[in-house]
PDB file of all heavy atoms in Angstrom:
ATOM      1  N   GLN A   1     -33.724  12.635 -43.871  1.00  0.00           N
ATOM      2  CA  GLN A   1     -32.319  12.747 -43.497  1.00  0.00           C
ATOM      3  C   GLN A   1     -31.926  11.544 -42.638  1.00  0.00           C
ATOM      4  O   GLN A   1     -32.677  11.097 -41.788  1.00  0.00           O
ATOM      5  CB  GLN A   1     -32.101  14.040 -42.723  1.00  0.00           C
ATOM      6  CG  GLN A   1     -30.641  14.326 -42.463  1.00  0.00           C
ATOM      7  CD  GLN A   1     -30.451  15.669 -41.804  1.00  0.00           C
ATOM      8  OE1 GLN A   1     -31.366  16.242 -41.252  1.00  0.00           O
ATOM      9  NE2 GLN A   1     -29.231  16.157 -41.859  1.00  0.00           N
ATOM     10  N   ASN A   2     -30.748  10.992 -42.872  1.00  0.00           N
ATOM     11  CA  ASN A   2     -30.210   9.845 -42.143  1.00  0.00           C
ATOM     12  C   ASN A   2     -31.036   8.578 -42.333  1.00  0.00           C
ATOM     13  O   ASN A   2     -31.012   7.695 -41.503  1.00  0.00           O
ATOM     14  CB  ASN A   2     -30.065  10.158 -40.651  1.00  0.00           C
ATOM     15  CG  ASN A   2     -29.055  11.251 -40.418  1.00  0.00           C
ATOM     16  OD1 ASN A   2     -28.100  11.398 -41.161  1.00  0.00           O
ATOM     17  ND2 ASN A   2     -29.266  12.030 -39.386  1.00  0.00           N
ATOM     18  N   THR A   3     -31.801   8.495 -43.410  1.00  0.00           N
ATOM     19  CA  THR A   3     -32.581   7.298 -43.695  1.00  0.00           C
ATOM     20  C   THR A   3     -32.076   6.697 -44.994  1.00  0.00           C
ATOM     21  O   THR A   3     -31.926   7.400 -45.983  1.00  0.00           O
ATOM     22  CB  THR A   3     -34.080   7.625 -43.830  1.00  0.00           C
ATOM     23  OG1 THR A   3     -34.519   8.200 -42.604  1.00  0.00           O
ATOM     24  CG2 THR A   3     -34.889   6.393 -44.121  1.00  0.00           C
ATOM     25  N   LEU A   4     -31.820   5.411 -44.957  1.00  0.00           N
ATOM     26  CA  LEU A   4     -31.376   4.728 -46.168  1.00  0.00           C
ATOM     27  C   LEU A   4     -32.532   4.616 -47.137  1.00  0.00           C
ATOM     28  O   LEU A   4     -33.683   4.480 -46.724  1.00  0.00           O
ATOM     29  CB  LEU A   4     -30.855   3.339 -45.808  1.00  0.00           C
ATOM     30  CG  LEU A   4     -29.648   3.324 -44.887  1.00  0.00           C
ATOM     31  CD1 LEU A   4     -29.306   1.894 -44.497  1.00  0.00           C
ATOM     32  CD2 LEU A   4     -28.462   3.977 -45.546  1.00  0.00           C
ATOM     33  N   PRO A   5     -32.262   4.623 -48.434  1.00  0.00           N
ATOM     34  CA  PRO A   5     -33.336   4.537 -49.424  1.00  0.00           C
ATOM     35  C   PRO A   5     -33.841   3.099 -49.586  1.00  0.00           C
ATOM     36  O   PRO A   5     -33.675   2.478 -50.622  1.00  0.00           O
ATOM     37  CB  PRO A   5     -32.672   5.058 -50.696  1.00  0.00           C
ATOM     38  CG  PRO A   5     -31.234   4.701 -50.523  1.00  0.00           C
ATOM     39  CD  PRO A   5     -30.962   4.838 -49.046  1.00  0.00           C
ATOM     40  N   ILE A   6     -34.434   2.575 -48.524  1.00  0.00           N
ATOM     41  CA  ILE A   6     -34.993   1.226 -48.544  1.00  0.00           C
ATOM     42  C   ILE A   6     -36.511   1.361 -48.501  1.00  0.00           C
ATOM     43  O   ILE A   6     -37.042   2.088 -47.663  1.00  0.00           O
ATOM     44  CB  ILE A   6     -34.504   0.402 -47.341  1.00  0.00           C
ATOM     45  CG1 ILE A   6     -32.978   0.262 -47.381  1.00  0.00           C
ATOM     46  CG2 ILE A   6     -35.164  -0.968 -47.311  1.00  0.00           C
ATOM     47  CD1 ILE A   6     -32.382  -0.399 -46.162  1.00  0.00           C
ATOM     48  N   GLU A   7     -37.189   0.673 -49.391  1.00  0.00           N
ATOM     49  CA  GLU A   7     -38.642   0.775 -49.445  1.00  0.00           C
ATOM     50  C   GLU A   7     -39.250   0.259 -48.145  1.00  0.00           C
ATOM     51  O   GLU A   7     -38.722  -0.641 -47.498  1.00  0.00           O
ATOM     52  CB  GLU A   7     -39.183   0.001 -50.640  1.00  0.00           C
ATOM     53  CG  GLU A   7     -38.787   0.661 -51.949  1.00  0.00           C
ATOM     54  CD  GLU A   7     -39.583   0.184 -53.118  1.00  0.00           C
ATOM     55  OE1 GLU A   7     -40.747  -0.216 -52.938  1.00  0.00           O
ATOM     56  OE2 GLU A   7     -39.048   0.212 -54.227  1.00  0.00           O
ATOM     57  N   ASP A   8     -40.386   0.868 -47.766  1.00  0.00           N
ATOM     58  CA  ASP A   8     -41.039   0.548 -46.495  1.00  0.00           C
ATOM     59  C   ASP A   8     -41.360  -0.939 -46.352  1.00  0.00           C
ATOM     60  O   ASP A   8     -41.174  -1.513 -45.282  1.00  0.00           O
ATOM     61  CB  ASP A   8     -42.315   1.371 -46.333  1.00  0.00           C
ATOM     62  CG  ASP A   8     -42.031   2.854 -46.158  1.00  0.00           C
ATOM     63  OD1 ASP A   8     -40.908   3.202 -45.730  1.00  0.00           O
ATOM     64  OD2 ASP A   8     -42.926   3.661 -46.456  1.00  0.00           O
ATOM     65  N   TRP A   9     -41.837  -1.577 -47.417  1.00  0.00           N
ATOM     66  CA  TRP A   9     -42.219  -2.987 -47.319  1.00  0.00           C
ATOM     67  C   TRP A   9     -41.002  -3.857 -47.023  1.00  0.00           C
ATOM     68  O   TRP A   9     -41.085  -4.843 -46.288  1.00  0.00           O
ATOM     69  CB  TRP A   9     -42.933  -3.470 -48.585  1.00  0.00           C
ATOM     70  CG  TRP A   9     -42.056  -3.512 -49.801  1.00  0.00           C
ATOM     71  CD1 TRP A   9     -41.872  -2.512 -50.718  1.00  0.00           C
ATOM     72  CD2 TRP A   9     -41.216  -4.580 -50.229  1.00  0.00           C
ATOM     73  NE1 TRP A   9     -40.978  -2.902 -51.683  1.00  0.00           N
ATOM     74  CE2 TRP A   9     -40.558  -4.181 -51.419  1.00  0.00           C
ATOM     75  CE3 TRP A   9     -40.954  -5.858 -49.741  1.00  0.00           C
ATOM     76  CZ2 TRP A   9     -39.663  -4.989 -52.106  1.00  0.00           C
ATOM     77  CZ3 TRP A   9     -40.064  -6.671 -50.428  1.00  0.00           C
ATOM     78  CH2 TRP A   9     -39.433  -6.234 -51.602  1.00  0.00           C
ATOM     79  N   LEU A  10     -39.834  -3.494 -47.581  1.00  0.00           N
ATOM     80  CA  LEU A  10     -38.622  -4.261 -47.343  1.00  0.00           C
ATOM     81  C   LEU A  10     -38.085  -3.993 -45.935  1.00  0.00           C
ATOM     82  O   LEU A  10     -37.695  -4.919 -45.223  1.00  0.00           O
ATOM     83  CB  LEU A  10     -37.567  -3.918 -48.390  1.00  0.00           C
ATOM     84  CG  LEU A  10     -36.249  -4.673 -48.288  1.00  0.00           C
ATOM     85  CD1 LEU A  10     -36.470  -6.177 -48.361  1.00  0.00           C
ATOM     86  CD2 LEU A  10     -35.296  -4.222 -49.384  1.00  0.00           C
ATOM     87  N   ARG A  11     -38.117  -2.742 -45.515  1.00  0.00           N
ATOM     88  CA  ARG A  11     -37.666  -2.388 -44.173  1.00  0.00           C
ATOM     89  C   ARG A  11     -38.469  -3.148 -43.107  1.00  0.00           C
ATOM     90  O   ARG A  11     -37.940  -3.531 -42.066  1.00  0.00           O
ATOM     91  CB  ARG A  11     -37.784  -0.885 -43.956  1.00  0.00           C
ATOM     92  CG  ARG A  11     -37.179  -0.420 -42.654  1.00  0.00           C
ATOM     93  CD  ARG A  11     -37.196   1.087 -42.557  1.00  0.00           C
ATOM     94  NE  ARG A  11     -36.239   1.715 -43.437  1.00  0.00           N
ATOM     95  CZ  ARG A  11     -34.943   1.820 -43.189  1.00  0.00           C
ATOM     96  NH1 ARG A  11     -34.443   1.329 -42.086  1.00  0.00           N
ATOM     97  NH2 ARG A  11     -34.144   2.421 -44.039  1.00  0.00           N
ATOM     98  N   ALA A  12     -39.743  -3.372 -43.360  1.00  0.00           N
ATOM     99  CA  ALA A  12     -40.604  -4.064 -42.393  1.00  0.00           C
ATOM    100  C   ALA A  12     -40.238  -5.536 -42.217  1.00  0.00           C
ATOM    101  O   ALA A  12     -40.511  -6.116 -41.173  1.00  0.00           O
ATOM    102  CB  ALA A  12     -42.058  -3.933 -42.820  1.00  0.00           C
ATOM    103  N   ILE A  13     -39.590  -6.148 -43.214  1.00  0.00           N
ATOM    104  CA  ILE A  13     -39.296  -7.583 -43.107  1.00  0.00           C
ATOM    105  C   ILE A  13     -37.827  -7.915 -42.915  1.00  0.00           C
ATOM    106  O   ILE A  13     -37.492  -9.020 -42.508  1.00  0.00           O
ATOM    107  CB  ILE A  13     -39.842  -8.364 -44.321  1.00  0.00           C
ATOM    108  CG1 ILE A  13     -39.215  -7.870 -45.618  1.00  0.00           C
ATOM    109  CG2 ILE A  13     -41.346  -8.297 -44.369  1.00  0.00           C
ATOM    110  CD1 ILE A  13     -39.577  -8.703 -46.838  1.00  0.00           C
ATOM    111  N   VAL A  14     -36.938  -6.958 -43.179  1.00  0.00           N
ATOM    112  CA  VAL A  14     -35.501  -7.217 -43.050  1.00  0.00           C
ATOM    113  C   VAL A  14     -35.135  -7.318 -41.571  1.00  0.00           C
ATOM    114  O   VAL A  14     -35.539  -6.498 -40.759  1.00  0.00           O
ATOM    115  CB  VAL A  14     -34.677  -6.098 -43.726  1.00  0.00           C
ATOM    116  CG1 VAL A  14     -33.204  -6.224 -43.405  1.00  0.00           C
ATOM    117  CG2 VAL A  14     -34.883  -6.127 -45.219  1.00  0.00           C
ATOM    118  N   ARG A  15     -34.411  -8.366 -41.225  1.00  0.00           N
ATOM    119  CA  ARG A  15     -33.993  -8.607 -39.847  1.00  0.00           C
ATOM    120  C   ARG A  15     -32.512  -8.953 -39.809  1.00  0.00           C
ATOM    121  O   ARG A  15     -31.921  -9.368 -40.806  1.00  0.00           O
ATOM    122  CB  ARG A  15     -34.784  -9.764 -39.233  1.00  0.00           C
ATOM    123  CG  ARG A  15     -36.270  -9.506 -39.103  1.00  0.00           C
ATOM    124  CD  ARG A  15     -36.533  -8.515 -37.978  1.00  0.00           C
ATOM    125  NE  ARG A  15     -37.931  -8.247 -37.767  1.00  0.00           N
ATOM    126  CZ  ARG A  15     -38.558  -7.150 -38.180  1.00  0.00           C
ATOM    127  NH1 ARG A  15     -37.905  -6.248 -38.858  1.00  0.00           N
ATOM    128  NH2 ARG A  15     -39.819  -6.958 -37.926  1.00  0.00           N
ATOM    129  N   CYS A  16     -31.923  -8.822 -38.631  1.00  0.00           N
ATOM    130  CA  CYS A  16     -30.535  -9.208 -38.430  1.00  0.00           C
ATOM    131  C   CYS A  16     -30.406 -10.706 -38.671  1.00  0.00           C
ATOM    132  O   CYS A  16     -31.160 -11.494 -38.092  1.00  0.00           O
ATOM    133  CB  CYS A  16     -30.107  -8.863 -37.004  1.00  0.00           C
ATOM    134  SG  CYS A  16     -28.464  -9.463 -36.575  1.00  0.00           S
ATOM    135  N   PRO A  17     -29.474 -11.121 -39.517  1.00  0.00           N
ATOM    136  CA  PRO A  17     -29.327 -12.548 -39.810  1.00  0.00           C
ATOM    137  C   PRO A  17     -28.745 -13.339 -38.639  1.00  0.00           C
ATOM    138  O   PRO A  17     -28.837 -14.567 -38.634  1.00  0.00           O
ATOM    139  CB  PRO A  17     -28.381 -12.572 -41.010  1.00  0.00           C
ATOM    140  CG  PRO A  17     -27.609 -11.306 -40.909  1.00  0.00           C
ATOM    141  CD  PRO A  17     -28.546 -10.305 -40.291  1.00  0.00           C
ATOM    142  N   VAL A  18     -28.195 -12.678 -37.636  1.00  0.00           N
ATOM    143  CA  VAL A  18     -27.600 -13.374 -36.495  1.00  0.00           C
ATOM    144  C   VAL A  18     -28.585 -13.472 -35.333  1.00  0.00           C
ATOM    145  O   VAL A  18     -28.788 -14.546 -34.773  1.00  0.00           O
ATOM    146  CB  VAL A  18     -26.292 -12.670 -36.048  1.00  0.00           C
ATOM    147  CG1 VAL A  18     -25.704 -13.334 -34.814  1.00  0.00           C
ATOM    148  CG2 VAL A  18     -25.276 -12.652 -37.188  1.00  0.00           C
ATOM    149  N   THR A  19     -29.218 -12.336 -34.969  1.00  0.00           N
ATOM    150  CA  THR A  19     -30.088 -12.306 -33.789  1.00  0.00           C
ATOM    151  C   THR A  19     -31.572 -12.336 -34.129  1.00  0.00           C
ATOM    152  O   THR A  19     -32.391 -12.598 -33.253  1.00  0.00           O
ATOM    153  CB  THR A  19     -29.825 -11.046 -32.947  1.00  0.00           C
ATOM    154  OG1 THR A  19     -30.220  -9.891 -33.701  1.00  0.00           O
ATOM    155  CG2 THR A  19     -28.367 -10.950 -32.544  1.00  0.00           C
ATOM    156  N   GLY A  20     -31.921 -12.014 -35.375  1.00  0.00           N
ATOM    157  CA  GLY A  20     -33.331 -11.965 -35.770  1.00  0.00           C
ATOM    158  C   GLY A  20     -34.028 -10.682 -35.363  1.00  0.00           C
ATOM    159  O   GLY A  20     -35.226 -10.538 -35.558  1.00  0.00           O
ATOM    160  N   SER A  21     -33.281  -9.717 -34.803  1.00  0.00           N
ATOM    161  CA  SER A  21     -33.892  -8.469 -34.350  1.00  0.00           C
ATOM    162  C   SER A  21     -34.027  -7.476 -35.501  1.00  0.00           C
ATOM    163  O   SER A  21     -33.411  -7.613 -36.553  1.00  0.00           O
ATOM    164  CB  SER A  21     -33.081  -7.861 -33.211  1.00  0.00           C
ATOM    165  OG  SER A  21     -31.797  -7.492 -33.661  1.00  0.00           O
ATOM    166  N   GLU A  22     -34.845  -6.459 -35.256  1.00  0.00           N
ATOM    167  CA  GLU A  22     -35.058  -5.389 -36.230  1.00  0.00           C
ATOM    168  C   GLU A  22     -33.753  -4.642 -36.469  1.00  0.00           C
ATOM    169  O   GLU A  22     -32.894  -4.554 -35.597  1.00  0.00           O
ATOM    170  CB  GLU A  22     -36.115  -4.431 -35.686  1.00  0.00           C
ATOM    171  CG  GLU A  22     -36.470  -3.310 -36.610  1.00  0.00           C
ATOM    172  CD  GLU A  22     -37.523  -2.382 -36.026  1.00  0.00           C
ATOM    173  OE1 GLU A  22     -37.956  -2.587 -34.893  1.00  0.00           O
ATOM    174  OE2 GLU A  22     -37.889  -1.435 -36.734  1.00  0.00           O
ATOM    175  N   LEU A  23     -33.623  -4.086 -37.662  1.00  0.00           N
ATOM    176  CA  LEU A  23     -32.445  -3.286 -38.021  1.00  0.00           C
ATOM    177  C   LEU A  23     -32.859  -1.824 -38.188  1.00  0.00           C
ATOM    178  O   LEU A  23     -33.898  -1.534 -38.791  1.00  0.00           O
ATOM    179  CB  LEU A  23     -31.827  -3.799 -39.320  1.00  0.00           C
ATOM    180  CG  LEU A  23     -31.247  -5.206 -39.252  1.00  0.00           C
ATOM    181  CD1 LEU A  23     -30.946  -5.725 -40.651  1.00  0.00           C
ATOM    182  CD2 LEU A  23     -29.992  -5.229 -38.396  1.00  0.00           C
ATOM    183  N   VAL A  24     -32.049  -0.931 -37.638  1.00  0.00           N
ATOM    184  CA  VAL A  24     -32.319   0.498 -37.759  1.00  0.00           C
ATOM    185  C   VAL A  24     -31.122   1.182 -38.414  1.00  0.00           C
ATOM    186  O   VAL A  24     -30.010   0.659 -38.405  1.00  0.00           O
ATOM    187  CB  VAL A  24     -32.625   1.142 -36.384  1.00  0.00           C
ATOM    188  CG1 VAL A  24     -33.901   0.573 -35.793  1.00  0.00           C
ATOM    189  CG2 VAL A  24     -31.464   0.966 -35.425  1.00  0.00           C
ATOM    190  N   ASP A  25     -31.367   2.365 -38.950  1.00  0.00           N
ATOM    191  CA  ASP A  25     -30.307   3.132 -39.611  1.00  0.00           C
ATOM    192  C   ASP A  25     -29.252   3.573 -38.610  1.00  0.00           C
ATOM    193  O   ASP A  25     -29.559   3.905 -37.467  1.00  0.00           O
ATOM    194  CB  ASP A  25     -30.883   4.371 -40.276  1.00  0.00           C
ATOM    195  CG  ASP A  25     -31.841   4.041 -41.396  1.00  0.00           C
ATOM    196  OD1 ASP A  25     -31.852   2.911 -41.882  1.00  0.00           O
ATOM    197  OD2 ASP A  25     -32.579   4.948 -41.787  1.00  0.00           O
ATOM    198  N   GLY A  26     -28.021   3.586 -39.068  1.00  0.00           N
ATOM    199  CA  GLY A  26     -26.924   4.077 -38.258  1.00  0.00           C
ATOM    200  C   GLY A  26     -25.818   4.593 -39.149  1.00  0.00           C
ATOM    201  O   GLY A  26     -25.881   4.473 -40.373  1.00  0.00           O
ATOM    202  N   LEU A  27     -24.816   5.172 -38.518  1.00  0.00           N
ATOM    203  CA  LEU A  27     -23.629   5.629 -39.232  1.00  0.00           C
ATOM    204  C   LEU A  27     -22.422   4.979 -38.583  1.00  0.00           C
ATOM    205  O   LEU A  27     -22.301   4.955 -37.355  1.00  0.00           O
ATOM    206  CB  LEU A  27     -23.486   7.152 -39.155  1.00  0.00           C
ATOM    207  CG  LEU A  27     -24.491   7.976 -39.946  1.00  0.00           C
ATOM    208  CD1 LEU A  27     -24.291   9.457 -39.682  1.00  0.00           C
ATOM    209  CD2 LEU A  27     -24.371   7.683 -41.428  1.00  0.00           C
ATOM    210  N   GLY A  28     -21.543   4.456 -39.407  1.00  0.00           N
ATOM    211  CA  GLY A  28     -20.338   3.826 -38.906  1.00  0.00           C
ATOM    212  C   GLY A  28     -19.308   4.848 -38.475  1.00  0.00           C
ATOM    213  O   GLY A  28     -19.488   6.054 -38.652  1.00  0.00           O
ATOM    214  N   PRO A  29     -18.195   4.393 -37.905  1.00  0.00           N
ATOM    215  CA  PRO A  29     -17.138   5.294 -37.457  1.00  0.00           C
ATOM    216  C   PRO A  29     -16.569   6.144 -38.593  1.00  0.00           C
ATOM    217  O   PRO A  29     -16.067   7.238 -38.358  1.00  0.00           O
ATOM    218  CB  PRO A  29     -16.067   4.364 -36.902  1.00  0.00           C
ATOM    219  CG  PRO A  29     -16.598   3.002 -36.942  1.00  0.00           C
ATOM    220  CD  PRO A  29     -17.887   3.013 -37.671  1.00  0.00           C
ATOM    221  N   ASP A  30     -16.688   5.652 -39.819  1.00  0.00           N
ATOM    222  CA  ASP A  30     -16.199   6.393 -40.979  1.00  0.00           C
ATOM    223  C   ASP A  30     -17.262   7.296 -41.602  1.00  0.00           C
ATOM    224  O   ASP A  30     -17.027   7.920 -42.628  1.00  0.00           O
ATOM    225  CB  ASP A  30     -15.650   5.429 -42.022  1.00  0.00           C
ATOM    226  CG  ASP A  30     -16.676   4.400 -42.471  1.00  0.00           C
ATOM    227  OD1 ASP A  30     -17.830   4.413 -41.957  1.00  0.00           O
ATOM    228  OD2 ASP A  30     -16.337   3.559 -43.322  1.00  0.00           O
ATOM    229  N   GLY A  31     -18.460   7.345 -40.981  1.00  0.00           N
ATOM    230  CA  GLY A  31     -19.545   8.178 -41.484  1.00  0.00           C
ATOM    231  C   GLY A  31     -20.377   7.530 -42.566  1.00  0.00           C
ATOM    232  O   GLY A  31     -21.303   8.131 -43.080  1.00  0.00           O
ATOM    233  N   GLU A  32     -20.057   6.292 -42.906  1.00  0.00           N
ATOM    234  CA  GLU A  32     -20.812   5.570 -43.928  1.00  0.00           C
ATOM    235  C   GLU A  32     -22.083   4.968 -43.310  1.00  0.00           C
ATOM    236  O   GLU A  32     -22.087   4.591 -42.137  1.00  0.00           O
ATOM    237  CB  GLU A  32     -19.960   4.459 -44.536  1.00  0.00           C
ATOM    238  CG  GLU A  32     -18.794   4.972 -45.351  1.00  0.00           C
ATOM    239  CD  GLU A  32     -19.222   5.761 -46.573  1.00  0.00           C
ATOM    240  OE1 GLU A  32     -20.149   5.323 -47.283  1.00  0.00           O
ATOM    241  OE2 GLU A  32     -18.631   6.820 -46.815  1.00  0.00           O
ATOM    242  N   PRO A  33     -23.161   4.838 -44.104  1.00  0.00           N
ATOM    243  CA  PRO A  33     -24.393   4.276 -43.565  1.00  0.00           C
ATOM    244  C   PRO A  33     -24.244   2.793 -43.236  1.00  0.00           C
ATOM    245  O   PRO A  33     -23.464   2.075 -43.864  1.00  0.00           O
ATOM    246  CB  PRO A  33     -25.409   4.486 -44.691  1.00  0.00           C
ATOM    247  CG  PRO A  33     -24.597   4.619 -45.924  1.00  0.00           C
ATOM    248  CD  PRO A  33     -23.282   5.202 -45.509  1.00  0.00           C
ATOM    249  N   GLU A  34     -25.008   2.365 -42.242  1.00  0.00           N
ATOM    250  CA  GLU A  34     -25.042   0.960 -41.863  1.00  0.00           C
ATOM    251  C   GLU A  34     -26.381   0.667 -41.214  1.00  0.00           C
ATOM    252  O   GLU A  34     -27.134   1.582 -40.874  1.00  0.00           O
ATOM    253  CB  GLU A  34     -23.889   0.616 -40.915  1.00  0.00           C
ATOM    254  CG  GLU A  34     -23.866   1.399 -39.641  1.00  0.00           C
ATOM    255  CD  GLU A  34     -22.627   1.152 -38.798  1.00  0.00           C
ATOM    256  OE1 GLU A  34     -21.639   0.585 -39.296  1.00  0.00           O
ATOM    257  OE2 GLU A  34     -22.654   1.534 -37.618  1.00  0.00           O
ATOM    258  N   LEU A  35     -26.692  -0.589 -41.080  1.00  0.00           N
ATOM    259  CA  LEU A  35     -27.888  -1.035 -40.372  1.00  0.00           C
ATOM    260  C   LEU A  35     -27.439  -1.710 -39.088  1.00  0.00           C
ATOM    261  O   LEU A  35     -26.551  -2.565 -39.105  1.00  0.00           O
ATOM    262  CB  LEU A  35     -28.704  -1.999 -41.229  1.00  0.00           C
ATOM    263  CG  LEU A  35     -29.356  -1.389 -42.468  1.00  0.00           C
ATOM    264  CD1 LEU A  35     -30.026  -2.474 -43.306  1.00  0.00           C
ATOM    265  CD2 LEU A  35     -30.373  -0.329 -42.076  1.00  0.00           C
ATOM    266  N   VAL A  36     -28.064  -1.336 -37.968  1.00  0.00           N
ATOM    267  CA  VAL A  36     -27.671  -1.824 -36.653  1.00  0.00           C
ATOM    268  C   VAL A  36     -28.829  -2.615 -36.054  1.00  0.00           C
ATOM    269  O   VAL A  36     -29.979  -2.155 -36.082  1.00  0.00           O
ATOM    270  CB  VAL A  36     -27.300  -0.641 -35.723  1.00  0.00           C
ATOM    271  CG1 VAL A  36     -26.840  -1.142 -34.370  1.00  0.00           C
ATOM    272  CG2 VAL A  36     -26.239   0.236 -36.367  1.00  0.00           C
ATOM    273  N   ASN A  37     -28.516  -3.803 -35.478  1.00  0.00           N
ATOM    274  CA  ASN A  37     -29.590  -4.568 -34.850  1.00  0.00           C
ATOM    275  C   ASN A  37     -30.014  -3.884 -33.550  1.00  0.00           C
ATOM    276  O   ASN A  37     -29.236  -3.193 -32.905  1.00  0.00           O
ATOM    277  CB  ASN A  37     -29.227  -6.041 -34.661  1.00  0.00           C
ATOM    278  CG  ASN A  37     -28.087  -6.291 -33.694  1.00  0.00           C
ATOM    279  OD1 ASN A  37     -27.461  -5.380 -33.178  1.00  0.00           O
ATOM    280  ND2 ASN A  37     -27.802  -7.552 -33.456  1.00  0.00           N
ATOM    281  N   THR A  38     -31.283  -4.061 -33.190  1.00  0.00           N
ATOM    282  CA  THR A  38     -31.853  -3.328 -32.064  1.00  0.00           C
ATOM    283  C   THR A  38     -31.776  -4.077 -30.750  1.00  0.00           C
ATOM    284  O   THR A  38     -31.972  -3.484 -29.698  1.00  0.00           O
ATOM    285  CB  THR A  38     -33.323  -2.970 -32.340  1.00  0.00           C
ATOM    286  OG1 THR A  38     -34.036  -4.170 -32.639  1.00  0.00           O
ATOM    287  CG2 THR A  38     -33.428  -1.997 -33.502  1.00  0.00           C
ATOM    288  N   SER A  39     -31.541  -5.356 -30.789  1.00  0.00           N
ATOM    289  CA  SER A  39     -31.447  -6.112 -29.547  1.00  0.00           C
ATOM    290  C   SER A  39     -30.658  -7.376 -29.797  1.00  0.00           C
ATOM    291  O   SER A  39     -30.340  -7.717 -30.926  1.00  0.00           O
ATOM    292  CB  SER A  39     -32.840  -6.456 -29.023  1.00  0.00           C
ATOM    293  OG  SER A  39     -33.503  -7.315 -29.928  1.00  0.00           O
ATOM    294  N   GLY A  40     -30.386  -8.049 -28.725  1.00  0.00           N
ATOM    295  CA  GLY A  40     -29.651  -9.296 -28.842  1.00  0.00           C
ATOM    296  C   GLY A  40     -28.184  -9.096 -28.544  1.00  0.00           C
ATOM    297  O   GLY A  40     -27.704  -7.991 -28.354  1.00  0.00           O
ATOM    298  N   SER A  41     -27.538 -10.193 -28.473  1.00  0.00           N
ATOM    299  CA  SER A  41     -26.106 -10.177 -28.223  1.00  0.00           C
ATOM    300  C   SER A  41     -25.476 -11.091 -29.252  1.00  0.00           C
ATOM    301  O   SER A  41     -25.910 -12.235 -29.399  1.00  0.00           O
ATOM    302  CB  SER A  41     -25.828 -10.683 -26.813  1.00  0.00           C
ATOM    303  OG  SER A  41     -24.458 -10.640 -26.541  1.00  0.00           O
ATOM    304  N   PRO A  42     -24.544 -10.640 -29.981  1.00  0.00           N
ATOM    305  CA  PRO A  42     -23.874  -9.346 -29.915  1.00  0.00           C
ATOM    306  C   PRO A  42     -24.653  -8.275 -30.655  1.00  0.00           C
ATOM    307  O   PRO A  42     -25.468  -8.561 -31.524  1.00  0.00           O
ATOM    308  CB  PRO A  42     -22.543  -9.620 -30.621  1.00  0.00           C
ATOM    309  CG  PRO A  42     -22.880 -10.650 -31.641  1.00  0.00           C
ATOM    310  CD  PRO A  42     -23.938 -11.517 -30.991  1.00  0.00           C
ATOM    311  N   ARG A  43     -24.378  -7.002 -30.317  1.00  0.00           N
ATOM    312  CA  ARG A  43     -24.908  -5.875 -31.081  1.00  0.00           C
ATOM    313  C   ARG A  43     -24.044  -5.763 -32.327  1.00  0.00           C
ATOM    314  O   ARG A  43     -22.821  -5.682 -32.223  1.00  0.00           O
ATOM    315  CB  ARG A  43     -24.830  -4.575 -30.294  1.00  0.00           C
ATOM    316  CG  ARG A  43     -25.829  -4.426 -29.176  1.00  0.00           C
ATOM    317  CD  ARG A  43     -27.241  -4.161 -29.685  1.00  0.00           C
ATOM    318  NE  ARG A  43     -27.305  -3.056 -30.621  1.00  0.00           N
ATOM    319  CZ  ARG A  43     -27.866  -1.903 -30.373  1.00  0.00           C
ATOM    320  NH1 ARG A  43     -28.431  -1.671 -29.227  1.00  0.00           N
ATOM    321  NH2 ARG A  43     -27.875  -0.947 -31.284  1.00  0.00           N
ATOM    322  N   LEU A  44     -24.680  -5.781 -33.487  1.00  0.00           N
ATOM    323  CA  LEU A  44     -23.954  -5.795 -34.749  1.00  0.00           C
ATOM    324  C   LEU A  44     -24.393  -4.661 -35.655  1.00  0.00           C
ATOM    325  O   LEU A  44     -25.556  -4.247 -35.630  1.00  0.00           O
ATOM    326  CB  LEU A  44     -24.171  -7.127 -35.467  1.00  0.00           C
ATOM    327  CG  LEU A  44     -23.694  -8.375 -34.738  1.00  0.00           C
ATOM    328  CD1 LEU A  44     -24.179  -9.615 -35.469  1.00  0.00           C
ATOM    329  CD2 LEU A  44     -22.188  -8.370 -34.617  1.00  0.00           C
TER     330      LEU A  44
END
């Protein structure tokens, strides 16, 4: 539940293109899935 259907090997290497930080599952204000960076500025 609340996990995007991304394969484990891909999840392990995908990073935020701006900060280089790990991305975790999230939900946007509209309830749609999104990936959120875990650190850095700005939070995206």
